[in-house]
């Protein structure tokens, strides 16, 4: 991942994370923006691996971390105009795989029912495309988001990045909670099965005793 440099330990991960556009696209090689920010803080990776943020993000990170500006790493892709995912609804089979793939909860719908993308929440990460088994998701130019301001990027509003970050955190918490609940249910089921086995053994022993005339 290039020649990473050690970061100033006084600069928190949060400050680095706030320089990222929060698309959660994984193109940097990490599962979400916060993980990339953590890797930068540890000096494990470079500051030039965010195609959505492009030169603006690289410049902000370079200023924050007192590093030289670098060109975007071509291994991660190119900086492109923003896009939105759009479900071709008549072709949607309601498999929910795109919902599971979306890192910011921008897709809604029920199993075996038509799904739709919430344009205002979509970051254009493209992670829903490979998840769709019937290829019914397309990318269209983003004409919804207004763009940034002096505190953010030309393509991103500060409030938008905050919402995307929040939705990602809430989704991860929800998934973790469901995982814990499934583990608890599995343990309870295992205990119930064990109790049934023990009860069957006790009943079998009692039947043997009865046959021997020794209740």
C-alpha atoms as a PDB file:
ATOM      1  CA  UNK A   1       0.000   0.000   0.000  1.00  0.00           C
ATOM      2  CA  UNK A   2       2.867   2.371  -0.689  1.00  0.00           C
ATOM      3  CA  UNK A   3       5.290   4.003   1.715  1.00  0.00           C
ATOM      4  CA  UNK A   4       3.187   4.705   4.758  1.00  0.00           C
ATOM      5  CA  UNK A   5       4.510   7.093   7.345  1.00  0.00           C
ATOM      6  CA  UNK A   6       4.018   7.261  11.079  1.00  0.00           C
ATOM      7  CA  UNK A   7       1.401   9.786  12.134  1.00  0.00           C
ATOM      8  CA  UNK A   8       1.524  12.259  14.997  1.00  0.00           C
ATOM      9  CA  UNK A   9       0.148  10.316  17.984  1.00  0.00           C
ATOM     10  CA  UNK A  10      -1.506  13.531  19.185  1.00  0.00           C
ATOM     11  CA  UNK A  11      -3.818  13.560  16.148  1.00  0.00           C
ATOM     12  CA  UNK A  12      -6.878  11.413  16.967  1.00  0.00           C
ATOM     13  CA  UNK A  13      -8.455   8.943  14.568  1.00  0.00           C
ATOM     14  CA  UNK A  14     -11.626  11.047  14.699  1.00  0.00           C
ATOM     15  CA  UNK A  15      -9.849  14.027  13.119  1.00  0.00           C
ATOM     16  CA  UNK A  16      -8.517  11.838  10.310  1.00  0.00           C
ATOM     17  CA  UNK A  17     -11.927  10.232   9.804  1.00  0.00           C
ATOM     18  CA  UNK A  18     -13.496  13.678   9.408  1.00  0.00           C
ATOM     19  CA  UNK A  19     -11.292  14.241   6.361  1.00  0.00           C
ATOM     20  CA  UNK A  20     -12.927  11.274   4.596  1.00  0.00           C
ATOM     21  CA  UNK A  21     -16.194  11.586   2.625  1.00  0.00           C
ATOM     22  CA  UNK A  22     -17.814   8.599   4.376  1.00  0.00           C
ATOM     23  CA  UNK A  23     -18.906   6.784   1.225  1.00  0.00           C
ATOM     24  CA  UNK A  24     -17.859   3.516   2.947  1.00  0.00           C
ATOM     25  CA  UNK A  25     -16.956   2.196  -0.513  1.00  0.00           C
ATOM     26  CA  UNK A  26     -14.009  -0.005   0.645  1.00  0.00           C
ATOM     27  CA  UNK A  27     -11.860   1.088  -2.329  1.00  0.00           C
ATOM     28  CA  UNK A  28      -9.097   2.094   0.076  1.00  0.00           C
ATOM     29  CA  UNK A  29      -8.776  -1.564   1.053  1.00  0.00           C
ATOM     30  CA  UNK A  30     -10.528  -1.209   4.412  1.00  0.00           C
ATOM     31  CA  UNK A  31     -14.115  -2.171   5.317  1.00  0.00           C
ATOM     32  CA  UNK A  32     -15.141   1.369   6.229  1.00  0.00           C
ATOM     33  CA  UNK A  33     -13.800   4.908   6.440  1.00  0.00           C
ATOM     34  CA  UNK A  34     -13.105   4.696  10.172  1.00  0.00           C
ATOM     35  CA  UNK A  35     -10.909   1.639   9.675  1.00  0.00           C
ATOM     36  CA  UNK A  36      -8.922   3.459   6.988  1.00  0.00           C
ATOM     37  CA  UNK A  37      -8.535   6.425   9.324  1.00  0.00           C
ATOM     38  CA  UNK A  38      -7.282   4.109  12.080  1.00  0.00           C
ATOM     39  CA  UNK A  39      -4.742   2.546   9.709  1.00  0.00           C
ATOM     40  CA  UNK A  40      -3.489   5.999   8.715  1.00  0.00           C
ATOM     41  CA  UNK A  41      -3.148   6.972  12.382  1.00  0.00           C
ATOM     42  CA  UNK A  42      -1.084   3.850  13.021  1.00  0.00           C
ATOM     43  CA  UNK A  43       1.149   4.629  10.055  1.00  0.00           C
ATOM     44  CA  UNK A  44       0.126   1.432   8.266  1.00  0.00           C
ATOM     45  CA  UNK A  45      -1.115   2.976   5.035  1.00  0.00           C
ATOM     46  CA  UNK A  46      -0.907   6.096   2.902  1.00  0.00           C
ATOM     47  CA  UNK A  47      -3.184   9.112   2.705  1.00  0.00           C
ATOM     48  CA  UNK A  48      -3.841   8.747  -1.037  1.00  0.00           C
ATOM     49  CA  UNK A  49      -6.203   5.754  -1.139  1.00  0.00           C
ATOM     50  CA  UNK A  50      -9.636   7.441  -1.218  1.00  0.00           C
ATOM     51  CA  UNK A  51     -10.964   7.835  -4.800  1.00  0.00           C
ATOM     52  CA  UNK A  52     -14.268   9.482  -3.759  1.00  0.00           C
ATOM     53  CA  UNK A  53     -12.410  12.153  -1.788  1.00  0.00           C
ATOM     54  CA  UNK A  54      -9.791  12.546  -4.495  1.00  0.00           C
ATOM     55  CA  UNK A  55      -7.271  15.385  -4.355  1.00  0.00           C
ATOM     56  CA  UNK A  56      -9.336  17.305  -1.806  1.00  0.00           C
ATOM     57  CA  UNK A  57      -9.170  14.529   0.767  1.00  0.00           C
ATOM     58  CA  UNK A  58      -5.475  13.931   0.086  1.00  0.00           C
ATOM     59  CA  UNK A  59      -4.765  17.637   0.569  1.00  0.00           C
ATOM     60  CA  UNK A  60      -6.753  17.775   3.808  1.00  0.00           C
ATOM     61  CA  UNK A  61      -5.002  14.711   5.193  1.00  0.00           C
ATOM     62  CA  UNK A  62      -1.599  16.037   4.146  1.00  0.00           C
ATOM     63  CA  UNK A  63      -2.257  19.313   5.964  1.00  0.00           C
ATOM     64  CA  UNK A  64      -3.602  17.578   9.067  1.00  0.00           C
ATOM     65  CA  UNK A  65      -0.755  15.079   9.301  1.00  0.00           C
ATOM     66  CA  UNK A  66       2.020  17.347   7.997  1.00  0.00           C
ATOM     67  CA  UNK A  67       2.777  15.019   5.106  1.00  0.00           C
ATOM     68  CA  UNK A  68       3.541  15.760   1.458  1.00  0.00           C
ATOM     69  CA  UNK A  69       0.644  15.706  -0.975  1.00  0.00           C
ATOM     70  CA  UNK A  70       0.615  12.601  -3.175  1.00  0.00           C
ATOM     71  CA  UNK A  71      -1.299  11.673  -6.309  1.00  0.00           C
ATOM     72  CA  UNK A  72      -4.224   9.311  -5.860  1.00  0.00           C
ATOM     73  CA  UNK A  73      -3.091   5.682  -5.772  1.00  0.00           C
ATOM     74  CA  UNK A  74      -4.270   4.142  -9.090  1.00  0.00           C
ATOM     75  CA  UNK A  75      -4.567   0.786  -7.337  1.00  0.00           C
ATOM     76  CA  UNK A  76      -7.675   2.149  -5.605  1.00  0.00           C
ATOM     77  CA  UNK A  77      -9.348   3.548  -8.724  1.00  0.00           C
ATOM     78  CA  UNK A  78      -9.930   6.985 -10.188  1.00  0.00           C
ATOM     79  CA  UNK A  79     -11.807   9.979  -8.869  1.00  0.00           C
ATOM     80  CA  UNK A  80     -15.112  10.108 -10.747  1.00  0.00           C
ATOM     81  CA  UNK A  81     -18.221  12.316 -10.708  1.00  0.00           C
ATOM     82  CA  UNK A  82     -20.703  11.232  -8.086  1.00  0.00           C
ATOM     83  CA  UNK A  83     -23.319   8.630  -8.926  1.00  0.00           C
ATOM     84  CA  UNK A  84     -26.392   7.133  -7.312  1.00  0.00           C
ATOM     85  CA  UNK A  85     -27.546   3.536  -7.353  1.00  0.00           C
ATOM     86  CA  UNK A  86     -30.921   3.042  -8.988  1.00  0.00           C
ATOM     87  CA  UNK A  87     -32.924  -0.191  -8.819  1.00  0.00           C
ATOM     88  CA  UNK A  88     -34.748  -1.159 -12.016  1.00  0.00           C
ATOM     89  CA  UNK A  89     -37.819  -1.968  -9.984  1.00  0.00           C
ATOM     90  CA  UNK A  90     -39.777  -4.191 -12.406  1.00  0.00           C
ATOM     91  CA  UNK A  91     -36.776  -6.526 -12.505  1.00  0.00           C
ATOM     92  CA  UNK A  92     -36.254  -6.633  -8.726  1.00  0.00           C
ATOM     93  CA  UNK A  93     -36.977 -10.054  -7.167  1.00  0.00           C
ATOM     94  CA  UNK A  94     -36.868  -8.833  -3.575  1.00  0.00           C
ATOM     95  CA  UNK A  95     -33.911 -10.968  -2.502  1.00  0.00           C
ATOM     96  CA  UNK A  96     -32.709  -8.296   0.030  1.00  0.00           C
ATOM     97  CA  UNK A  97     -29.049  -8.928  -0.865  1.00  0.00           C
ATOM     98  CA  UNK A  98     -28.586  -5.291  -1.893  1.00  0.00           C
ATOM     99  CA  UNK A  99     -30.047  -4.182   1.446  1.00  0.00           C
ATOM    100  CA  UNK A 100     -27.524  -6.362   3.257  1.00  0.00           C
ATOM    101  CA  UNK A 101     -24.678  -4.970   1.149  1.00  0.00           C
ATOM    102  CA  UNK A 102     -25.505  -1.278   1.598  1.00  0.00           C
ATOM    103  CA  UNK A 103     -23.194   0.177   4.275  1.00  0.00           C
ATOM    104  CA  UNK A 104     -25.368   3.227   4.993  1.00  0.00           C
ATOM    105  CA  UNK A 105     -28.897   1.752   5.007  1.00  0.00           C
ATOM    106  CA  UNK A 106     -29.857   3.613   1.819  1.00  0.00           C
ATOM    107  CA  UNK A 107     -31.958   0.748   0.388  1.00  0.00           C
ATOM    108  CA  UNK A 108     -35.355  -0.232   1.728  1.00  0.00           C
ATOM    109  CA  UNK A 109     -37.769  -3.056   0.959  1.00  0.00           C
ATOM    110  CA  UNK A 110     -39.098  -6.358   2.239  1.00  0.00           C
ATOM    111  CA  UNK A 111     -38.228  -9.902   1.275  1.00  0.00           C
ATOM    112  CA  UNK A 112     -39.873 -10.875  -2.025  1.00  0.00           C
ATOM    113  CA  UNK A 113     -41.057  -7.298  -2.467  1.00  0.00           C
ATOM    114  CA  UNK A 114     -39.697  -4.532  -4.667  1.00  0.00           C
ATOM    115  CA  UNK A 115     -36.789  -2.534  -3.209  1.00  0.00           C
ATOM    116  CA  UNK A 116     -35.866   1.092  -3.743  1.00  0.00           C
ATOM    117  CA  UNK A 117     -32.855   3.335  -3.116  1.00  0.00           C
ATOM    118  CA  UNK A 118     -33.205   6.431  -0.942  1.00  0.00           C
ATOM    119  CA  UNK A 119     -31.339   8.949  -3.071  1.00  0.00           C
ATOM    120  CA  UNK A 120     -30.535  11.350  -0.237  1.00  0.00           C
ATOM    121  CA  UNK A 121     -28.772   8.580   1.720  1.00  0.00           C
ATOM    122  CA  UNK A 122     -27.008   6.868  -1.178  1.00  0.00           C
ATOM    123  CA  UNK A 123     -23.250   7.518  -1.262  1.00  0.00           C
ATOM    124  CA  UNK A 124     -22.678   5.859  -4.629  1.00  0.00           C
ATOM    125  CA  UNK A 125     -20.378   3.244  -3.094  1.00  0.00           C
ATOM    126  CA  UNK A 126     -21.459   0.660  -5.718  1.00  0.00           C
ATOM    127  CA  UNK A 127     -21.330  -2.213  -3.217  1.00  0.00           C
ATOM    128  CA  UNK A 128     -24.915  -3.185  -4.058  1.00  0.00           C
ATOM    129  CA  UNK A 129     -24.045  -3.918  -7.700  1.00  0.00           C
ATOM    130  CA  UNK A 130     -22.135  -7.192  -7.268  1.00  0.00           C
ATOM    131  CA  UNK A 131     -24.629  -8.308  -4.595  1.00  0.00           C
ATOM    132  CA  UNK A 132     -27.583  -8.236  -7.010  1.00  0.00           C
ATOM    133  CA  UNK A 133     -28.140 -11.686  -8.575  1.00  0.00           C
ATOM    134  CA  UNK A 134     -30.340 -10.378 -11.404  1.00  0.00           C
ATOM    135  CA  UNK A 135     -28.281  -7.299 -12.352  1.00  0.00           C
ATOM    136  CA  UNK A 136     -31.179  -4.912 -11.803  1.00  0.00           C
ATOM    137  CA  UNK A 137     -29.160  -2.058 -10.276  1.00  0.00           C
ATOM    138  CA  UNK A 138     -27.716   0.718 -12.395  1.00  0.00           C
ATOM    139  CA  UNK A 139     -25.648   3.815 -11.677  1.00  0.00           C
ATOM    140  CA  UNK A 140     -26.991   7.234 -12.632  1.00  0.00           C
ATOM    141  CA  UNK A 141     -25.456  10.723 -12.301  1.00  0.00           C
ATOM    142  CA  UNK A 142     -26.041  12.234  -8.874  1.00  0.00           C
ATOM    143  CA  UNK A 143     -28.343  15.206  -9.363  1.00  0.00           C
ATOM    144  CA  UNK A 144     -29.671  15.085  -5.803  1.00  0.00           C
ATOM    145  CA  UNK A 145     -26.829  16.196  -3.564  1.00  0.00           C
ATOM    146  CA  UNK A 146     -25.970  19.866  -3.770  1.00  0.00           C
ATOM    147  CA  UNK A 147     -22.260  19.652  -3.159  1.00  0.00           C
ATOM    148  CA  UNK A 148     -19.990  20.897  -0.427  1.00  0.00           C
ATOM    149  CA  UNK A 149     -18.857  24.050   1.242  1.00  0.00           C
ATOM    150  CA  UNK A 150     -15.649  25.564   2.597  1.00  0.00           C
ATOM    151  CA  UNK A 151     -15.524  22.992   5.383  1.00  0.00           C
ATOM    152  CA  UNK A 152     -15.889  19.952   3.148  1.00  0.00           C
ATOM    153  CA  UNK A 153     -15.424  18.952  -0.494  1.00  0.00           C
ATOM    154  CA  UNK A 154     -16.754  20.288  -3.789  1.00  0.00           C
ATOM    155  CA  UNK A 155     -18.870  17.112  -4.074  1.00  0.00           C
ATOM    156  CA  UNK A 156     -19.897  16.537  -0.439  1.00  0.00           C
ATOM    157  CA  UNK A 157     -21.751  18.470   2.213  1.00  0.00           C
ATOM    158  CA  UNK A 158     -20.484  18.241   5.768  1.00  0.00           C
ATOM    159  CA  UNK A 159     -23.957  17.298   7.018  1.00  0.00           C
ATOM    160  CA  UNK A 160     -24.154  14.531   4.430  1.00  0.00           C
ATOM    161  CA  UNK A 161     -20.891  12.968   5.578  1.00  0.00           C
ATOM    162  CA  UNK A 162     -22.097  13.125   9.172  1.00  0.00           C
ATOM    163  CA  UNK A 163     -25.326  11.327   8.272  1.00  0.00           C
ATOM    164  CA  UNK A 164     -23.462   8.640   6.332  1.00  0.00           C
ATOM    165  CA  UNK A 165     -21.072   8.112   9.255  1.00  0.00           C
ATOM    166  CA  UNK A 166     -23.979   7.909  11.719  1.00  0.00           C
ATOM    167  CA  UNK A 167     -25.933   5.443   9.569  1.00  0.00           C
ATOM    168  CA  UNK A 168     -22.860   3.250   9.221  1.00  0.00           C
ATOM    169  CA  UNK A 169     -22.334   3.175  12.978  1.00  0.00           C
ATOM    170  CA  UNK A 170     -26.006   2.405  13.641  1.00  0.00           C
ATOM    171  CA  UNK A 171     -25.959  -0.391  11.060  1.00  0.00           C
ATOM    172  CA  UNK A 172     -22.841  -1.970  12.571  1.00  0.00           C
ATOM    173  CA  UNK A 173     -24.393  -1.813  16.035  1.00  0.00           C
ATOM    174  CA  UNK A 174     -27.587  -3.403  14.745  1.00  0.00           C
ATOM    175  CA  UNK A 175     -25.674  -6.214  13.045  1.00  0.00           C
ATOM    176  CA  UNK A 176     -23.619  -6.808  16.188  1.00  0.00           C
ATOM    177  CA  UNK A 177     -26.774  -6.922  18.299  1.00  0.00           C
ATOM    178  CA  UNK A 178     -28.408  -9.422  15.968  1.00  0.00           C
ATOM    179  CA  UNK A 179     -25.274 -11.557  16.047  1.00  0.00           C
ATOM    180  CA  UNK A 180     -25.382 -11.598  19.845  1.00  0.00           C
ATOM    181  CA  UNK A 181     -29.074 -12.440  19.832  1.00  0.00           C
ATOM    182  CA  UNK A 182     -28.517 -15.344  17.431  1.00  0.00           C
ATOM    183  CA  UNK A 183     -25.681 -16.638  19.616  1.00  0.00           C
ATOM    184  CA  UNK A 184     -27.878 -16.465  22.709  1.00  0.00           C
ATOM    185  CA  UNK A 185     -30.734 -18.232  20.910  1.00  0.00           C
ATOM    186  CA  UNK A 186     -28.351 -20.919  19.678  1.00  0.00           C
ATOM    187  CA  UNK A 187     -27.030 -21.505  23.186  1.00  0.00           C
ATOM    188  CA  UNK A 188     -30.571 -21.665  24.568  1.00  0.00           C
ATOM    189  CA  UNK A 189     -31.574 -24.157  21.880  1.00  0.00           C
ATOM    190  CA  UNK A 190     -28.500 -26.250  22.629  1.00  0.00           C
ATOM    191  CA  UNK A 191     -29.353 -26.216  26.329  1.00  0.00           C
ATOM    192  CA  UNK A 192     -32.934 -27.236  25.572  1.00  0.00           C
ATOM    193  CA  UNK A 193     -31.703 -30.091  23.417  1.00  0.00           C
ATOM    194  CA  UNK A 194     -29.356 -31.170  26.179  1.00  0.00           C
ATOM    195  CA  UNK A 195     -32.173 -31.128  28.695  1.00  0.00           C
ATOM    196  CA  UNK A 196     -34.339 -33.224  26.374  1.00  0.00           C
ATOM    197  CA  UNK A 197     -31.517 -35.750  25.987  1.00  0.00           C
ATOM    198  CA  UNK A 198     -31.077 -35.928  29.752  1.00  0.00           C
ATOM    199  CA  UNK A 199     -34.822 -36.372  30.191  1.00  0.00           C
ATOM    200  CA  UNK A 200     -34.857 -39.166  27.612  1.00  0.00           C
ATOM    201  CA  UNK A 201     -31.987 -40.893  29.444  1.00  0.00           C
ATOM    202  CA  UNK A 202     -33.807 -40.594  32.770  1.00  0.00           C
ATOM    203  CA  UNK A 203     -36.978 -42.006  31.202  1.00  0.00           C
ATOM    204  CA  UNK A 204     -35.035 -44.905  29.654  1.00  0.00           C
ATOM    205  CA  UNK A 205     -33.392 -45.704  32.992  1.00  0.00           C
ATOM    206  CA  UNK A 206     -36.782 -45.627  34.704  1.00  0.00           C
ATOM    207  CA  UNK A 207     -38.230 -48.036  32.131  1.00  0.00           C
ATOM    208  CA  UNK A 208     -35.334 -50.456  32.683  1.00  0.00           C
ATOM    209  CA  UNK A 209     -35.850 -50.293  36.447  1.00  0.00           C
ATOM    210  CA  UNK A 210     -39.546 -50.972  36.039  1.00  0.00           C
ATOM    211  CA  UNK A 211     -38.883 -54.006  33.867  1.00  0.00           C
ATOM    212  CA  UNK A 212     -36.537 -55.325  36.539  1.00  0.00           C
ATOM    213  CA  UNK A 213     -39.126 -54.726  39.207  1.00  0.00           C
ATOM    214  CA  UNK A 214     -36.960 -52.144  40.913  1.00  0.00           C
ATOM    215  CA  UNK A 215     -38.834 -48.835  40.632  1.00  0.00           C
END
